[in-house]
Amino acid sequence: MQDHPADRLAAEQSRRRLGAGLVGLLVAAVMIGIFLSVANRDYDESEVYAVADNAEYELERTPVQGLGVTVFDVEKAISVGNRGDGGRFPRDVWAKVRLRDAGRDPRGADRYELTNSDGDHPVCLVVWFDRDLSDESAQFASVSVERGAC
């Protein structure tokens, strides 16, 4: 039996389509791999600092409730301060950072250490607040961010 030229042409077109489809799948797989590797990488030093800096801003502009700033206030400031960063930070920043209460410094300021999820690139949030009980107006904490461990 002899091959008909139309059959050969159809087979050639089929092979080309298959090749183009495989190339497209390969490109898509590479792009997905790149996306996943970037999305799953841990924060570097500048990103941990940026999370702390955003939390500092949030803490300084939020009136202190009660007698002082607690770790729960700091956690809330980290969550709220790092929500709308144009996509730089994920919805749940806690997937990428850790917070620990680092005690007080010699002048009585509370210290909170922030790192990436592996415990690297520590940044210290130093929170100073002294409630004036005779003043009923809103009172605010003074906060600074220091590079390195607390």
Protein backbone atom coordinates (compact mmCIF):
# COMPACT_ATOMS: atom_id res chain seq x y z
CA MET A 1 0.00 0.00 0.00
CA GLN A 2 1.27 3.39 -0.98
CA ASP A 3 1.22 6.52 1.23
CA HIS A 4 -1.01 9.20 -0.06
CA PRO A 5 0.57 12.72 -0.06
CA ALA A 6 -2.38 14.08 1.92
CA ASP A 7 -1.75 11.47 4.64
CA ARG A 8 1.91 12.42 4.87
CA LEU A 9 1.00 16.10 5.09
CA ALA A 10 -1.54 15.40 7.84
CA ALA A 11 1.01 13.33 9.77
CA GLU A 12 3.61 16.10 9.47
CA GLN A 13 1.14 18.73 10.70
CA SER A 14 0.18 16.46 13.58
CA ARG A 15 3.85 16.07 14.61
CA ARG A 16 4.36 19.85 14.47
CA ARG A 17 1.30 20.47 16.63
CA LEU A 18 2.48 17.87 19.11
CA GLY A 19 5.94 19.46 19.20
CA ALA A 20 4.49 22.94 19.71
CA GLY A 21 2.22 21.62 22.45
CA LEU A 22 5.16 19.97 24.22
CA VAL A 23 7.23 23.15 24.01
CA GLY A 24 4.29 25.10 25.45
CA LEU A 25 3.93 22.62 28.31
CA LEU A 26 7.65 22.81 29.03
CA VAL A 27 7.59 26.62 29.12
CA ALA A 28 4.54 26.55 31.41
CA ALA A 29 6.23 24.04 33.75
CA VAL A 30 9.36 26.20 33.96
CA MET A 31 7.29 29.33 34.69
CA ILE A 32 5.31 27.53 37.42
CA GLY A 33 8.57 26.26 38.93
CA ILE A 34 10.05 29.76 38.98
CA PHE A 35 6.87 31.15 40.54
CA LEU A 36 6.78 28.48 43.23
CA SER A 37 10.47 28.88 44.09
CA VAL A 38 10.04 32.65 44.49
CA ALA A 39 6.79 32.29 46.45
CA ASN A 40 8.26 29.71 48.83
CA ARG A 41 11.60 31.31 49.54
CA ASP A 42 12.19 32.80 52.95
CA TYR A 43 12.46 36.52 53.66
CA ASP A 44 15.86 38.13 53.37
CA GLU A 45 17.22 40.80 55.73
CA SER A 46 15.61 43.75 53.93
CA GLU A 47 12.19 42.06 53.92
CA VAL A 48 12.31 41.22 57.65
CA TYR A 49 13.34 44.82 58.33
CA ALA A 50 10.47 46.10 56.16
CA VAL A 51 7.96 43.97 58.10
CA ALA A 52 9.31 45.42 61.38
CA ASP A 53 9.32 48.96 59.96
CA ASN A 54 5.67 48.64 58.90
CA ALA A 55 4.82 47.32 62.38
CA GLU A 56 6.66 50.28 63.94
CA TYR A 57 4.54 52.70 61.93
CA GLU A 58 1.35 50.87 62.93
CA LEU A 59 2.27 50.79 66.63
CA GLU A 60 3.16 54.48 66.73
CA ARG A 61 -0.11 55.60 65.17
CA THR A 62 -2.41 53.32 67.19
CA PRO A 63 -3.47 54.54 70.65
CA VAL A 64 -2.38 52.18 73.43
CA GLN A 65 -5.26 50.40 75.13
CA GLY A 66 -4.84 49.53 78.80
CA LEU A 67 -1.65 50.05 80.75
CA GLY A 68 0.87 49.09 78.10
CA VAL A 69 1.78 47.47 74.82
CA THR A 70 1.59 43.67 74.84
CA VAL A 71 2.90 41.01 72.49
CA PHE A 72 -0.67 40.77 71.16
CA ASP A 73 -0.54 44.46 70.20
CA VAL A 74 2.76 43.84 68.40
CA GLU A 75 1.32 40.80 66.59
CA LYS A 76 -1.68 42.84 65.47
CA ALA A 77 0.58 45.68 64.27
CA ILE A 78 2.64 43.22 62.23
CA SER A 79 -0.50 41.75 60.65
CA VAL A 80 -2.20 45.08 59.96
CA GLY A 81 0.95 46.94 58.97
CA ASN A 82 1.95 44.34 56.38
CA ARG A 83 -1.36 43.66 54.68
CA GLY A 84 -1.55 46.11 51.81
CA ASP A 85 2.01 46.33 50.58
CA GLY A 86 1.16 46.08 46.88
CA GLY A 87 1.76 42.34 46.84
CA ARG A 88 5.20 42.44 48.44
CA PHE A 89 3.97 40.59 51.51
CA PRO A 90 1.58 37.65 51.49
CA ARG A 91 -1.86 37.83 53.06
CA ASP A 92 -0.54 35.88 55.99
CA VAL A 93 2.81 37.42 56.83
CA TRP A 94 3.09 34.90 59.68
CA ALA A 95 3.98 32.22 57.16
CA LYS A 96 7.25 34.09 56.62
CA VAL A 97 8.17 35.62 60.01
CA ARG A 98 8.54 34.69 63.67
CA LEU A 99 8.12 36.92 66.70
CA ARG A 100 9.45 36.39 70.19
CA ASP A 101 9.26 38.48 73.34
CA ALA A 102 12.87 39.44 74.11
CA GLY A 103 12.24 41.00 77.53
CA ARG A 104 13.10 44.53 78.61
CA ASP A 105 16.11 46.70 78.03
CA PRO A 106 17.86 48.54 80.92
CA ARG A 107 15.61 51.63 80.60
CA GLY A 108 12.44 49.50 80.78
CA ALA A 109 11.46 49.39 77.11
CA ASP A 110 9.91 46.15 75.84
CA ARG A 111 11.84 44.33 73.13
CA TYR A 112 10.42 42.00 70.50
CA GLU A 113 12.62 40.08 68.11
CA LEU A 114 11.40 39.45 64.58
CA THR A 115 13.10 36.97 62.22
CA ASN A 116 12.27 35.15 59.03
CA SER A 117 10.64 31.72 59.38
CA ASP A 118 14.05 30.02 59.64
CA GLY A 119 15.07 32.30 62.53
CA ASP A 120 17.54 34.26 60.39
CA HIS A 121 17.99 38.02 59.90
CA PRO A 122 16.85 39.18 63.36
CA VAL A 123 15.42 42.66 63.85
CA CYS A 124 14.54 44.15 67.24
CA LEU A 125 11.40 46.20 67.82
CA VAL A 126 11.94 48.38 70.88
CA VAL A 127 8.66 49.65 72.35
CA TRP A 128 8.64 52.35 75.00
CA PHE A 129 5.40 53.32 76.71
CA ASP A 130 4.80 54.99 80.04
CA ARG A 131 1.10 55.58 80.72
CA ASP A 132 0.29 58.93 82.33
CA LEU A 133 -2.68 57.95 84.49
CA SER A 134 -3.64 61.60 85.02
CA ASP A 135 -4.05 62.12 81.24
CA GLU A 136 -7.27 60.67 79.79
CA SER A 137 -6.45 61.53 76.19
CA ALA A 138 -5.12 58.94 73.72
CA GLN A 139 -1.53 57.97 74.39
CA PHE A 140 0.90 56.44 71.95
CA ALA A 141 3.99 54.24 72.20
CA SER A 142 7.40 55.23 71.02
CA VAL A 143 8.89 52.51 68.82
CA SER A 144 12.22 51.97 67.12
CA VAL A 145 13.60 49.23 64.87
CA GLU A 146 17.16 48.03 65.37
CA ARG A 147 19.00 45.65 63.07
CA GLY A 148 20.28 42.51 64.76
CA ALA A 149 19.15 40.41 67.69
CA CYS A 150 17.66 42.05 70.77
